[in-house]
């Protein structure tokens, strides 16, 4: 992954980009394809450990709310996807957001009282 991709993922994980639940599930599924390979259920039919994957590619508040079922659905659709293709898909998704390359600043508003005479 190139430096731009690493920076995008760092900014995303620091909660600098707004993201929908669907986009979050797609990102976790793509990252799971890179880290875990093709989708496979355990012997008791449980989902793979997406908590570990989502914890380092999503902000905490979003990672907690991502549906494992949605991630599994996206992950199943990625069977036979090479890890390099999955990484490229992550970058393409991040670059498709309307706020990509936008400067986002935290702003604090202070109250100012002006008396006109």
PDB file of N, CA and C in Angstrom:
ATOM      1  N   UNK A   1       0.858  -1.169   0.000  1.00  0.00           N
ATOM      2  CA  UNK A   1       0.000   0.000   0.000  1.00  0.00           C
ATOM      3  C   UNK A   1       0.905   1.232   0.000  1.00  0.00           C
ATOM      4  N   UNK A   2       0.545   2.216  -0.771  1.00  0.00           N
ATOM      5  CA  UNK A   2       1.366   3.418  -0.855  1.00  0.00           C
ATOM      6  C   UNK A   2       1.120   4.339   0.339  1.00  0.00           C
ATOM      7  N   UNK A   3       1.917   5.355   0.472  1.00  0.00           N
ATOM      8  CA  UNK A   3       1.836   6.273   1.621  1.00  0.00           C
ATOM      9  C   UNK A   3       0.495   7.000   1.671  1.00  0.00           C
ATOM     10  N   UNK A   4      -0.076   7.324   0.517  1.00  0.00           N
ATOM     11  CA  UNK A   4      -1.384   7.994   0.497  1.00  0.00           C
ATOM     12  C   UNK A   4      -2.439   7.081   1.104  1.00  0.00           C
ATOM     13  N   UNK A   5      -2.390   5.809   0.756  1.00  0.00           N
ATOM     14  CA  UNK A   5      -3.341   4.854   1.309  1.00  0.00           C
ATOM     15  C   UNK A   5      -3.206   4.707   2.808  1.00  0.00           C
ATOM     16  N   UNK A   6      -1.985   4.651   3.287  1.00  0.00           N
ATOM     17  CA  UNK A   6      -1.750   4.542   4.727  1.00  0.00           C
ATOM     18  C   UNK A   6      -2.280   5.771   5.449  1.00  0.00           C
ATOM     19  N   UNK A   7      -2.026   6.946   4.892  1.00  0.00           N
ATOM     20  CA  UNK A   7      -2.504   8.183   5.512  1.00  0.00           C
ATOM     21  C   UNK A   7      -4.026   8.222   5.519  1.00  0.00           C
ATOM     22  N   UNK A   8      -4.667   7.804   4.415  1.00  0.00           N
ATOM     23  CA  UNK A   8      -6.132   7.779   4.360  1.00  0.00           C
ATOM     24  C   UNK A   8      -6.706   6.869   5.435  1.00  0.00           C
ATOM     25  N   UNK A   9      -6.116   5.697   5.596  1.00  0.00           N
ATOM     26  CA  UNK A   9      -6.628   4.761   6.600  1.00  0.00           C
ATOM     27  C   UNK A   9      -6.401   5.301   8.005  1.00  0.00           C
ATOM     28  N   UNK A  10      -5.280   5.956   8.248  1.00  0.00           N
ATOM     29  CA  UNK A  10      -5.032   6.553   9.562  1.00  0.00           C
ATOM     30  C   UNK A  10      -6.056   7.645   9.846  1.00  0.00           C
ATOM     31  N   UNK A  11      -6.292   8.550   8.888  1.00  0.00           N
ATOM     32  CA  UNK A  11      -7.286   9.605   9.086  1.00  0.00           C
ATOM     33  C   UNK A  11      -8.672   9.017   9.300  1.00  0.00           C
ATOM     34  N   UNK A  12      -9.000   7.966   8.553  1.00  0.00           N
ATOM     35  CA  UNK A  12     -10.302   7.337   8.714  1.00  0.00           C
ATOM     36  C   UNK A  12     -10.434   6.729  10.101  1.00  0.00           C
ATOM     37  N   UNK A  13      -9.413   6.010  10.542  1.00  0.00           N
ATOM     38  CA  UNK A  13      -9.491   5.360  11.849  1.00  0.00           C
ATOM     39  C   UNK A  13      -9.508   6.371  12.992  1.00  0.00           C
ATOM     40  N   UNK A  14      -9.039   7.594  12.737  1.00  0.00           N
ATOM     41  CA  UNK A  14      -9.093   8.653  13.746  1.00  0.00           C
ATOM     42  C   UNK A  14     -10.417   9.412  13.701  1.00  0.00           C
ATOM     43  N   UNK A  15     -11.372   8.890  12.925  1.00  0.00           N
ATOM     44  CA  UNK A  15     -12.713   9.449  12.859  1.00  0.00           C
ATOM     45  C   UNK A  15     -12.755  10.774  12.122  1.00  0.00           C
ATOM     46  N   UNK A  16     -11.909  10.949  11.112  1.00  0.00           N
ATOM     47  CA  UNK A  16     -11.877  12.196  10.357  1.00  0.00           C
ATOM     48  C   UNK A  16     -12.802  12.181   9.143  1.00  0.00           C
ATOM     49  N   UNK A  17     -13.375  11.026   8.811  1.00  0.00           N
ATOM     50  CA  UNK A  17     -14.291  10.936   7.678  1.00  0.00           C
ATOM     51  C   UNK A  17     -15.638  10.427   8.172  1.00  0.00           C
ATOM     52  N   UNK A  18     -16.738  11.026   7.722  1.00  0.00           N
ATOM     53  CA  UNK A  18     -18.042  10.441   8.050  1.00  0.00           C
ATOM     54  C   UNK A  18     -18.240   9.175   7.222  1.00  0.00           C
ATOM     55  N   UNK A  19     -18.868   8.172   7.794  1.00  0.00           N
ATOM     56  CA  UNK A  19     -19.037   6.904   7.095  1.00  0.00           C
ATOM     57  C   UNK A  19     -20.379   6.288   7.478  1.00  0.00           C
ATOM     58  N   UNK A  20     -21.060   5.695   6.500  1.00  0.00           N
ATOM     59  CA  UNK A  20     -22.331   5.025   6.770  1.00  0.00           C
ATOM     60  C   UNK A  20     -22.050   3.608   7.281  1.00  0.00           C
ATOM     61  N   UNK A  21     -23.094   2.951   7.811  1.00  0.00           N
ATOM     62  CA  UNK A  21     -22.921   1.583   8.298  1.00  0.00           C
ATOM     63  C   UNK A  21     -22.570   0.637   7.154  1.00  0.00           C
ATOM     64  N   UNK A  22     -23.153   0.876   5.983  1.00  0.00           N
ATOM     65  CA  UNK A  22     -22.862   0.033   4.820  1.00  0.00           C
ATOM     66  C   UNK A  22     -21.404   0.179   4.403  1.00  0.00           C
ATOM     67  N   UNK A  23     -20.919   1.422   4.353  1.00  0.00           N
ATOM     68  CA  UNK A  23     -19.513   1.655   3.990  1.00  0.00           C
ATOM     69  C   UNK A  23     -18.579   1.041   5.023  1.00  0.00           C
ATOM     70  N   UNK A  24     -18.946   1.158   6.307  1.00  0.00           N
ATOM     71  CA  UNK A  24     -18.124   0.570   7.363  1.00  0.00           C
ATOM     72  C   UNK A  24     -18.052  -0.948   7.212  1.00  0.00           C
ATOM     73  N   UNK A  25     -19.191  -1.579   6.923  1.00  0.00           N
ATOM     74  CA  UNK A  25     -19.204  -3.032   6.722  1.00  0.00           C
ATOM     75  C   UNK A  25     -18.358  -3.420   5.517  1.00  0.00           C
ATOM     76  N   UNK A  26     -18.425  -2.629   4.451  1.00  0.00           N
ATOM     77  CA  UNK A  26     -17.614  -2.908   3.273  1.00  0.00           C
ATOM     78  C   UNK A  26     -16.128  -2.793   3.589  1.00  0.00           C
ATOM     79  N   UNK A  27     -15.749  -1.759   4.351  1.00  0.00           N
ATOM     80  CA  UNK A  27     -14.340  -1.579   4.707  1.00  0.00           C
ATOM     81  C   UNK A  27     -13.825  -2.735   5.562  1.00  0.00           C
ATOM     82  N   UNK A  28     -14.624  -3.154   6.533  1.00  0.00           N
ATOM     83  CA  UNK A  28     -14.198  -4.270   7.386  1.00  0.00           C
ATOM     84  C   UNK A  28     -14.092  -5.547   6.557  1.00  0.00           C
ATOM     85  N   UNK A  29     -15.041  -5.772   5.653  1.00  0.00           N
ATOM     86  CA  UNK A  29     -14.986  -6.977   4.807  1.00  0.00           C
ATOM     87  C   UNK A  29     -13.754  -6.967   3.908  1.00  0.00           C
ATOM     88  N   UNK A  30     -13.449  -5.821   3.330  1.00  0.00           N
ATOM     89  CA  UNK A  30     -12.247  -5.730   2.483  1.00  0.00           C
ATOM     90  C   UNK A  30     -10.981  -5.975   3.297  1.00  0.00           C
ATOM     91  N   UNK A  31     -10.920  -5.379   4.482  1.00  0.00           N
ATOM     92  CA  UNK A  31      -9.751  -5.580   5.344  1.00  0.00           C
ATOM     93  C   UNK A  31      -9.682  -7.029   5.806  1.00  0.00           C
ATOM     94  N   UNK A  32     -10.844  -7.653   6.064  1.00  0.00           N
ATOM     95  CA  UNK A  32     -10.864  -9.070   6.450  1.00  0.00           C
ATOM     96  C   UNK A  32     -10.354  -9.946   5.308  1.00  0.00           C
ATOM     97  N   UNK A  33     -10.679  -9.575   4.079  1.00  0.00           N
ATOM     98  CA  UNK A  33     -10.178 -10.337   2.929  1.00  0.00           C
ATOM     99  C   UNK A  33      -8.655 -10.259   2.869  1.00  0.00           C
ATOM    100  N   UNK A  34      -8.114  -9.088   3.201  1.00  0.00           N
ATOM    101  CA  UNK A  34      -6.654  -8.918   3.209  1.00  0.00           C
ATOM    102  C   UNK A  34      -6.029  -9.737   4.336  1.00  0.00           C
ATOM    103  N   UNK A  35      -6.601  -9.644   5.537  1.00  0.00           N
ATOM    104  CA  UNK A  35      -5.993 -10.271   6.710  1.00  0.00           C
ATOM    105  C   UNK A  35      -6.342 -11.747   6.882  1.00  0.00           C
ATOM    106  N   UNK A  36      -7.606 -12.101   6.620  1.00  0.00           N
ATOM    107  CA  UNK A  36      -8.074 -13.453   6.909  1.00  0.00           C
ATOM    108  C   UNK A  36      -8.190 -14.341   5.671  1.00  0.00           C
ATOM    109  N   UNK A  37      -8.155 -13.721   4.500  1.00  0.00           N
ATOM    110  CA  UNK A  37      -8.343 -14.496   3.274  1.00  0.00           C
ATOM    111  C   UNK A  37      -9.821 -14.714   2.996  1.00  0.00           C
ATOM    112  N   UNK A  38     -10.120 -15.733   2.213  1.00  0.00           N
ATOM    113  CA  UNK A  38     -11.503 -16.008   1.827  1.00  0.00           C
ATOM    114  C   UNK A  38     -12.376 -16.330   3.034  1.00  0.00           C
ATOM    115  N   UNK A  39     -13.648 -15.980   2.906  1.00  0.00           N
ATOM    116  CA  UNK A  39     -14.638 -16.200   3.965  1.00  0.00           C
ATOM    117  C   UNK A  39     -14.754 -17.688   4.272  1.00  0.00           C
ATOM    118  N   UNK A  40     -14.773 -18.006   5.560  1.00  0.00           N
ATOM    119  CA  UNK A  40     -14.994 -19.380   6.000  1.00  0.00           C
ATOM    120  C   UNK A  40     -15.633 -19.346   7.375  1.00  0.00           C
ATOM    121  N   UNK A  41     -16.677 -20.132   7.573  1.00  0.00           N
ATOM    122  CA  UNK A  41     -17.311 -20.207   8.889  1.00  0.00           C
ATOM    123  C   UNK A  41     -16.608 -21.266   9.719  1.00  0.00           C
ATOM    124  N   UNK A  42     -16.744 -21.154  11.022  1.00  0.00           N
ATOM    125  CA  UNK A  42     -16.175 -22.177  11.904  1.00  0.00           C
ATOM    126  C   UNK A  42     -17.105 -23.395  11.895  1.00  0.00           C
ATOM    127  N   UNK A  43     -16.729 -24.405  12.618  1.00  0.00           N
ATOM    128  CA  UNK A  43     -17.510 -25.657  12.625  1.00  0.00           C
ATOM    129  C   UNK A  43     -18.904 -25.463  13.219  1.00  0.00           C
ATOM    130  N   UNK A  44     -19.091 -24.466  14.072  1.00  0.00           N
ATOM    131  CA  UNK A  44     -20.408 -24.224  14.671  1.00  0.00           C
ATOM    132  C   UNK A  44     -21.174 -23.137  13.916  1.00  0.00           C
ATOM    133  N   UNK A  45     -20.670 -22.717  12.753  1.00  0.00           N
ATOM    134  CA  UNK A  45     -21.384 -21.752  11.922  1.00  0.00           C
ATOM    135  C   UNK A  45     -21.247 -20.309  12.364  1.00  0.00           C
ATOM    136  N   UNK A  46     -20.253 -20.027  13.202  1.00  0.00           N
ATOM    137  CA  UNK A  46     -20.055 -18.655  13.658  1.00  0.00           C
ATOM    138  C   UNK A  46     -19.297 -17.856  12.604  1.00  0.00           C
ATOM    139  N   UNK A  47     -19.423 -16.520  12.727  1.00  0.00           N
ATOM    140  CA  UNK A  47     -18.695 -15.638  11.826  1.00  0.00           C
ATOM    141  C   UNK A  47     -17.223 -15.589  12.218  1.00  0.00           C
ATOM    142  N   UNK A  48     -16.350 -15.252  11.269  1.00  0.00           N
ATOM    143  CA  UNK A  48     -14.943 -15.018  11.626  1.00  0.00           C
ATOM    144  C   UNK A  48     -14.845 -13.852  12.621  1.00  0.00           C
ATOM    145  N   UNK A  49     -13.693 -13.674  13.227  1.00  0.00           N
ATOM    146  CA  UNK A  49     -13.499 -12.612  14.222  1.00  0.00           C
ATOM    147  C   UNK A  49     -13.337 -11.258  13.542  1.00  0.00           C
ATOM    148  N   UNK A  50     -14.458 -10.619  13.255  1.00  0.00           N
ATOM    149  CA  UNK A  50     -14.421  -9.300  12.624  1.00  0.00           C
ATOM    150  C   UNK A  50     -14.134  -8.188  13.633  1.00  0.00           C
ATOM    151  N   UNK A  51     -14.294  -8.466  14.920  1.00  0.00           N
ATOM    152  CA  UNK A  51     -14.014  -7.440  15.942  1.00  0.00           C
ATOM    153  C   UNK A  51     -12.546  -7.019  15.874  1.00  0.00           C
ATOM    154  N   UNK A  52     -11.673  -7.996  15.742  1.00  0.00           N
ATOM    155  CA  UNK A  52     -10.241  -7.700  15.664  1.00  0.00           C
ATOM    156  C   UNK A  52      -9.937  -6.856  14.430  1.00  0.00           C
ATOM    157  N   UNK A  53     -10.525  -7.219  13.304  1.00  0.00           N
ATOM    158  CA  UNK A  53     -10.280  -6.495  12.061  1.00  0.00           C
ATOM    159  C   UNK A  53     -10.830  -5.079  12.152  1.00  0.00           C
ATOM    160  N   UNK A  54     -12.064  -4.944  12.632  1.00  0.00           N
ATOM    161  CA  UNK A  54     -12.693  -3.619  12.680  1.00  0.00           C
ATOM    162  C   UNK A  54     -12.031  -2.701  13.703  1.00  0.00           C
ATOM    163  N   UNK A  55     -11.422  -3.273  14.743  1.00  0.00           N
ATOM    164  CA  UNK A  55     -10.822  -2.436  15.791  1.00  0.00           C
ATOM    165  C   UNK A  55      -9.641  -1.610  15.299  1.00  0.00           C
ATOM    166  N   UNK A  56      -8.973  -2.046  14.238  1.00  0.00           N
ATOM    167  CA  UNK A  56      -7.833  -1.259  13.775  1.00  0.00           C
ATOM    168  C   UNK A  56      -8.060  -0.593  12.419  1.00  0.00           C
ATOM    169  N   UNK A  57      -9.286  -0.694  11.884  1.00  0.00           N
ATOM    170  CA  UNK A  57      -9.547   0.027  10.636  1.00  0.00           C
ATOM    171  C   UNK A  57     -10.778   0.923  10.730  1.00  0.00           C
ATOM    172  N   UNK A  58     -11.440   0.948  11.889  1.00  0.00           N
ATOM    173  CA  UNK A  58     -12.597   1.826  12.093  1.00  0.00           C
ATOM    174  C   UNK A  58     -12.475   2.558  13.415  1.00  0.00           C
ATOM    175  N   UNK A  59     -13.064   3.745  13.500  1.00  0.00           N
ATOM    176  CA  UNK A  59     -13.122   4.426  14.800  1.00  0.00           C
ATOM    177  C   UNK A  59     -13.921   3.568  15.787  1.00  0.00           C
ATOM    178  N   UNK A  60     -13.615   3.659  17.052  1.00  0.00           N
ATOM    179  CA  UNK A  60     -14.246   2.823  18.080  1.00  0.00           C
ATOM    180  C   UNK A  60     -15.759   2.928  18.062  1.00  0.00           C
ATOM    181  N   UNK A  61     -16.296   4.143  17.921  1.00  0.00           N
ATOM    182  CA  UNK A  61     -17.755   4.316  17.972  1.00  0.00           C
ATOM    183  C   UNK A  61     -18.442   3.631  16.802  1.00  0.00           C
ATOM    184  N   UNK A  62     -17.769   3.532  15.661  1.00  0.00           N
ATOM    185  CA  UNK A  62     -18.361   2.875  14.495  1.00  0.00           C
ATOM    186  C   UNK A  62     -18.114   1.366  14.554  1.00  0.00           C
ATOM    187  N   UNK A  63     -16.932   0.968  14.996  1.00  0.00           N
ATOM    188  CA  UNK A  63     -16.589  -0.464  15.054  1.00  0.00           C
ATOM    189  C   UNK A  63     -17.578  -1.228  15.925  1.00  0.00           C
ATOM    190  N   UNK A  64     -18.028  -0.598  17.002  1.00  0.00           N
ATOM    191  CA  UNK A  64     -18.953  -1.269  17.917  1.00  0.00           C
ATOM    192  C   UNK A  64     -20.330  -1.485  17.301  1.00  0.00           C
ATOM    193  N   UNK A  65     -20.692  -0.673  16.317  1.00  0.00           N
ATOM    194  CA  UNK A  65     -22.043  -0.768  15.767  1.00  0.00           C
ATOM    195  C   UNK A  65     -22.132  -1.504  14.432  1.00  0.00           C
ATOM    196  N   UNK A  66     -21.002  -1.959  13.905  1.00  0.00           N
ATOM    197  CA  UNK A  66     -21.015  -2.647  12.611  1.00  0.00           C
ATOM    198  C   UNK A  66     -21.600  -4.051  12.772  1.00  0.00           C
ATOM    199  N   UNK A  67     -22.545  -4.381  11.938  1.00  0.00           N
ATOM    200  CA  UNK A  67     -23.214  -5.676  11.970  1.00  0.00           C
ATOM    201  C   UNK A  67     -22.295  -6.755  11.398  1.00  0.00           C
ATOM    202  N   UNK A  68     -22.073  -7.812  12.184  1.00  0.00           N
ATOM    203  CA  UNK A  68     -21.243  -8.925  11.701  1.00  0.00           C
ATOM    204  C   UNK A  68     -21.897  -9.618  10.505  1.00  0.00           C
ATOM    205  N   UNK A  69     -23.225  -9.644  10.497  1.00  0.00           N
ATOM    206  CA  UNK A  69     -23.930 -10.249   9.370  1.00  0.00           C
ATOM    207  C   UNK A  69     -23.656  -9.474   8.083  1.00  0.00           C
ATOM    208  N   UNK A  70     -23.685  -8.131   8.167  1.00  0.00           N
ATOM    209  CA  UNK A  70     -23.417  -7.305   6.983  1.00  0.00           C
ATOM    210  C   UNK A  70     -21.976  -7.484   6.517  1.00  0.00           C
ATOM    211  N   UNK A  71     -21.052  -7.527   7.463  1.00  0.00           N
ATOM    212  CA  UNK A  71     -19.645  -7.738   7.101  1.00  0.00           C
ATOM    213  C   UNK A  71     -19.480  -9.106   6.443  1.00  0.00           C
ATOM    214  N   UNK A  72     -20.100 -10.126   7.019  1.00  0.00           N
ATOM    215  CA  UNK A  72     -19.998 -11.482   6.466  1.00  0.00           C
ATOM    216  C   UNK A  72     -20.557 -11.531   5.048  1.00  0.00           C
ATOM    217  N   UNK A  73     -21.676 -10.844   4.816  1.00  0.00           N
ATOM    218  CA  UNK A  73     -22.271 -10.816   3.477  1.00  0.00           C
ATOM    219  C   UNK A  73     -21.298 -10.219   2.466  1.00  0.00           C
ATOM    220  N   UNK A  74     -20.679  -9.083   2.827  1.00  0.00           N
ATOM    221  CA  UNK A  74     -19.703  -8.447   1.935  1.00  0.00           C
ATOM    222  C   UNK A  74     -18.458  -9.322   1.775  1.00  0.00           C
ATOM    223  N   UNK A  75     -18.032  -9.929   2.885  1.00  0.00           N
ATOM    224  CA  UNK A  75     -16.831 -10.771   2.853  1.00  0.00           C
ATOM    225  C   UNK A  75     -17.054 -11.984   1.939  1.00  0.00           C
ATOM    226  N   UNK A  76     -18.246 -12.584   1.998  1.00  0.00           N
ATOM    227  CA  UNK A  76     -18.556 -13.729   1.138  1.00  0.00           C
ATOM    228  C   UNK A  76     -18.476 -13.345  -0.339  1.00  0.00           C
ATOM    229  N   UNK A  77     -18.861 -12.105  -0.661  1.00  0.00           N
ATOM    230  CA  UNK A  77     -18.832 -11.668  -2.059  1.00  0.00           C
ATOM    231  C   UNK A  77     -17.408 -11.444  -2.570  1.00  0.00           C
ATOM    232  N   UNK A  78     -16.440 -11.445  -1.665  1.00  0.00           N
ATOM    233  CA  UNK A  78     -15.043 -11.192  -2.039  1.00  0.00           C
ATOM    234  C   UNK A  78     -14.218 -12.469  -2.212  1.00  0.00           C
ATOM    235  N   UNK A  79     -14.869 -13.624  -2.179  1.00  0.00           N
ATOM    236  CA  UNK A  79     -14.151 -14.890  -2.332  1.00  0.00           C
ATOM    237  C   UNK A  79     -13.319 -14.854  -3.609  1.00  0.00           C
ATOM    238  N   UNK A  80     -12.090 -15.273  -3.514  1.00  0.00           N
ATOM    239  CA  UNK A  80     -11.101 -15.313  -4.609  1.00  0.00           C
ATOM    240  C   UNK A  80     -10.531 -13.947  -4.969  1.00  0.00           C
ATOM    241  N   UNK A  81     -10.837 -12.925  -4.175  1.00  0.00           N
ATOM    242  CA  UNK A  81     -10.251 -11.610  -4.411  1.00  0.00           C
ATOM    243  C   UNK A  81      -8.846 -11.597  -3.821  1.00  0.00           C
ATOM    244  N   UNK A  82      -7.879 -11.236  -4.621  1.00  0.00           N
ATOM    245  CA  UNK A  82      -6.481 -11.170  -4.176  1.00  0.00           C
ATOM    246  C   UNK A  82      -6.334 -10.027  -3.160  1.00  0.00           C
ATOM    247  N   UNK A  83      -5.483 -10.178  -2.140  1.00  0.00           N
ATOM    248  CA  UNK A  83      -5.297  -9.115  -1.149  1.00  0.00           C
ATOM    249  C   UNK A  83      -4.940  -7.757  -1.765  1.00  0.00           C
ATOM    250  N   UNK A  84      -4.142  -7.745  -2.825  1.00  0.00           N
ATOM    251  CA  UNK A  84      -3.789  -6.469  -3.465  1.00  0.00           C
ATOM    252  C   UNK A  84      -5.021  -5.806  -4.077  1.00  0.00           C
ATOM    253  N   UNK A  85      -5.926  -6.610  -4.625  1.00  0.00           N
ATOM    254  CA  UNK A  85      -7.168  -6.060  -5.176  1.00  0.00           C
ATOM    255  C   UNK A  85      -8.055  -5.513  -4.064  1.00  0.00           C
ATOM    256  N   UNK A  86      -8.089  -6.205  -2.921  1.00  0.00           N
ATOM    257  CA  UNK A  86      -8.883  -5.740  -1.783  1.00  0.00           C
ATOM    258  C   UNK A  86      -8.331  -4.415  -1.251  1.00  0.00           C
ATOM    259  N   UNK A  87      -6.998  -4.301  -1.183  1.00  0.00           N
ATOM    260  CA  UNK A  87      -6.387  -3.039  -0.742  1.00  0.00           C
ATOM    261  C   UNK A  87      -6.731  -1.911  -1.696  1.00  0.00           C
ATOM    262  N   UNK A  88      -6.699  -2.181  -2.984  1.00  0.00           N
ATOM    263  CA  UNK A  88      -7.048  -1.166  -3.974  1.00  0.00           C
ATOM    264  C   UNK A  88      -8.517  -0.770  -3.843  1.00  0.00           C
ATOM    265  N   UNK A  89      -9.375  -1.731  -3.547  1.00  0.00           N
ATOM    266  CA  UNK A  89     -10.796  -1.435  -3.363  1.00  0.00           C
ATOM    267  C   UNK A  89     -11.020  -0.545  -2.145  1.00  0.00           C
ATOM    268  N   UNK A  90     -10.238  -0.755  -1.072  1.00  0.00           N
ATOM    269  CA  UNK A  90     -10.321   0.115   0.106  1.00  0.00           C
ATOM    270  C   UNK A  90      -9.970   1.548  -0.289  1.00  0.00           C
ATOM    271  N   UNK A  91      -8.879   1.705  -1.006  1.00  0.00           N
ATOM    272  CA  UNK A  91      -8.462   3.044  -1.434  1.00  0.00           C
ATOM    273  C   UNK A  91      -9.496   3.681  -2.350  1.00  0.00           C
ATOM    274  N   UNK A  92     -10.055   2.908  -3.262  1.00  0.00           N
ATOM    275  CA  UNK A  92     -11.082   3.439  -4.160  1.00  0.00           C
ATOM    276  C   UNK A  92     -12.314   3.893  -3.383  1.00  0.00           C
ATOM    277  N   UNK A  93     -12.697   3.122  -2.365  1.00  0.00           N
ATOM    278  CA  UNK A  93     -13.845   3.499  -1.546  1.00  0.00           C
ATOM    279  C   UNK A  93     -13.565   4.795  -0.791  1.00  0.00           C
ATOM    280  N   UNK A  94     -12.377   4.882  -0.186  1.00  0.00           N
ATOM    281  CA  UNK A  94     -12.028   6.102   0.546  1.00  0.00           C
ATOM    282  C   UNK A  94     -11.970   7.315  -0.383  1.00  0.00           C
ATOM    283  N   UNK A  95     -11.440   7.127  -1.568  1.00  0.00           N
ATOM    284  CA  UNK A  95     -11.338   8.237  -2.523  1.00  0.00           C
ATOM    285  C   UNK A  95     -12.685   8.640  -3.110  1.00  0.00           C
ATOM    286  N   UNK A  96     -13.684   7.775  -3.026  1.00  0.00           N
ATOM    287  CA  UNK A  96     -14.996   8.086  -3.596  1.00  0.00           C
ATOM    288  C   UNK A  96     -15.835   8.979  -2.693  1.00  0.00           C
ATOM    289  N   UNK A  97     -15.433   9.134  -1.440  1.00  0.00           N
ATOM    290  CA  UNK A  97     -16.220   9.943  -0.520  1.00  0.00           C
ATOM    291  C   UNK A  97     -16.188  11.405  -0.924  1.00  0.00           C
ATOM    292  N   UNK A  98     -17.298  12.107  -0.756  1.00  0.00           N
ATOM    293  CA  UNK A  98     -17.361  13.528  -1.125  1.00  0.00           C
ATOM    294  C   UNK A  98     -16.327  14.398  -0.392  1.00  0.00           C
ATOM    295  N   UNK A  99     -15.965  14.016   0.811  1.00  0.00           N
ATOM    296  CA  UNK A  99     -15.023  14.833   1.586  1.00  0.00           C
ATOM    297  C   UNK A  99     -13.569  14.412   1.403  1.00  0.00           C
ATOM    298  N   UNK A 100     -13.314  13.505   0.474  1.00  0.00           N
ATOM    299  CA  UNK A 100     -11.927  13.110   0.220  1.00  0.00           C
ATOM    300  C   UNK A 100     -11.136  14.340  -0.216  1.00  0.00           C
ATOM    301  N   UNK A 101      -9.982  14.523   0.344  1.00  0.00           N
ATOM    302  CA  UNK A 101      -9.076  15.650   0.106  1.00  0.00           C
ATOM    303  C   UNK A 101      -9.589  16.975   0.680  1.00  0.00           C
ATOM    304  N   UNK A 102     -10.655  16.926   1.464  1.00  0.00           N
ATOM    305  CA  UNK A 102     -11.141  18.146   2.105  1.00  0.00           C
ATOM    306  C   UNK A 102     -10.368  18.358   3.399  1.00  0.00           C
ATOM    307  N   UNK A 103     -10.157  19.595   3.750  1.00  0.00           N
ATOM    308  CA  UNK A 103      -9.514  19.920   5.020  1.00  0.00           C
ATOM    309  C   UNK A 103     -10.612  20.026   6.076  1.00  0.00           C
ATOM    310  N   UNK A 104     -10.497  19.230   7.118  1.00  0.00           N
ATOM    311  CA  UNK A 104     -11.496  19.213   8.183  1.00  0.00           C
ATOM    312  C   UNK A 104     -10.825  19.716   9.447  1.00  0.00           C
ATOM    313  N   UNK A 105     -11.430  20.720  10.052  1.00  0.00           N
ATOM    314  CA  UNK A 105     -10.862  21.329  11.245  1.00  0.00           C
ATOM    315  C   UNK A 105     -11.859  21.261  12.389  1.00  0.00           C
ATOM    316  N   UNK A 106     -11.340  21.091  13.598  1.00  0.00           N
ATOM    317  CA  UNK A 106     -12.178  21.229  14.782  1.00  0.00           C
ATOM    318  C   UNK A 106     -12.320  22.713  15.052  1.00  0.00           C
ATOM    319  N   UNK A 107     -13.541  23.150  15.309  1.00  0.00           N
ATOM    320  CA  UNK A 107     -13.800  24.571  15.530  1.00  0.00           C
ATOM    321  C   UNK A 107     -14.473  24.730  16.874  1.00  0.00           C
ATOM    322  N   UNK A 108     -13.978  25.684  17.643  1.00  0.00           N
ATOM    323  CA  UNK A 108     -14.591  26.026  18.912  1.00  0.00           C
ATOM    324  C   UNK A 108     -15.167  27.423  18.792  1.00  0.00           C
ATOM    325  N   UNK A 109     -16.435  27.560  19.157  1.00  0.00           N
ATOM    326  CA  UNK A 109     -17.092  28.855  19.061  1.00  0.00           C
ATOM    327  C   UNK A 109     -17.171  29.440  20.464  1.00  0.00           C
ATOM    328  N   UNK A 110     -16.682  30.662  20.598  1.00  0.00           N
ATOM    329  CA  UNK A 110     -16.721  31.350  21.893  1.00  0.00           C
ATOM    330  C   UNK A 110     -17.779  32.437  21.808  1.00  0.00           C
ATOM    331  N   UNK A 111     -18.433  32.632  22.904  1.00  0.00           N
ATOM    332  CA  UNK A 111     -19.462  33.659  22.976  1.00  0.00           C
ATOM    333  C   UNK A 111     -18.796  35.033  23.064  1.00  0.00           C
ATOM    334  N   UNK A 112     -19.274  35.980  22.289  1.00  0.00           N
ATOM    335  CA  UNK A 112     -18.740  37.335  22.287  1.00  0.00           C
ATOM    336  C   UNK A 112     -19.908  38.291  22.424  1.00  0.00           C
ATOM    337  N   UNK A 113     -19.879  39.131  23.439  1.00  0.00           N
ATOM    338  CA  UNK A 113     -20.941  40.091  23.672  1.00  0.00           C
ATOM    339  C   UNK A 113     -20.477  41.461  23.223  1.00  0.00           C
ATOM    340  N   UNK A 114     -21.256  42.065  22.365  1.00  0.00           N
ATOM    341  CA  UNK A 114     -20.919  43.400  21.869  1.00  0.00           C
ATOM    342  C   UNK A 114     -22.047  44.349  22.265  1.00  0.00           C
ATOM    343  N   UNK A 115     -21.684  45.456  22.884  1.00  0.00           N
ATOM    344  CA  UNK A 115     -22.682  46.450  23.281  1.00  0.00           C
ATOM    345  C   UNK A 115     -22.562  47.648  22.332  1.00  0.00           C
ATOM    346  N   UNK A 116     -23.669  47.943  21.710  1.00  0.00           N
ATOM    347  CA  UNK A 116     -23.694  49.100  20.792  1.00  0.00           C
ATOM    348  C   UNK A 116     -24.297  50.298  21.542  1.00  0.00           C
ATOM    349  N   UNK A 117     -23.642  51.428  21.449  1.00  0.00           N
ATOM    350  CA  UNK A 117     -24.145  52.616  22.148  1.00  0.00           C
ATOM    351  C   UNK A 117     -24.788  53.576  21.173  1.00  0.00           C
TER     352      UNK A 117
END
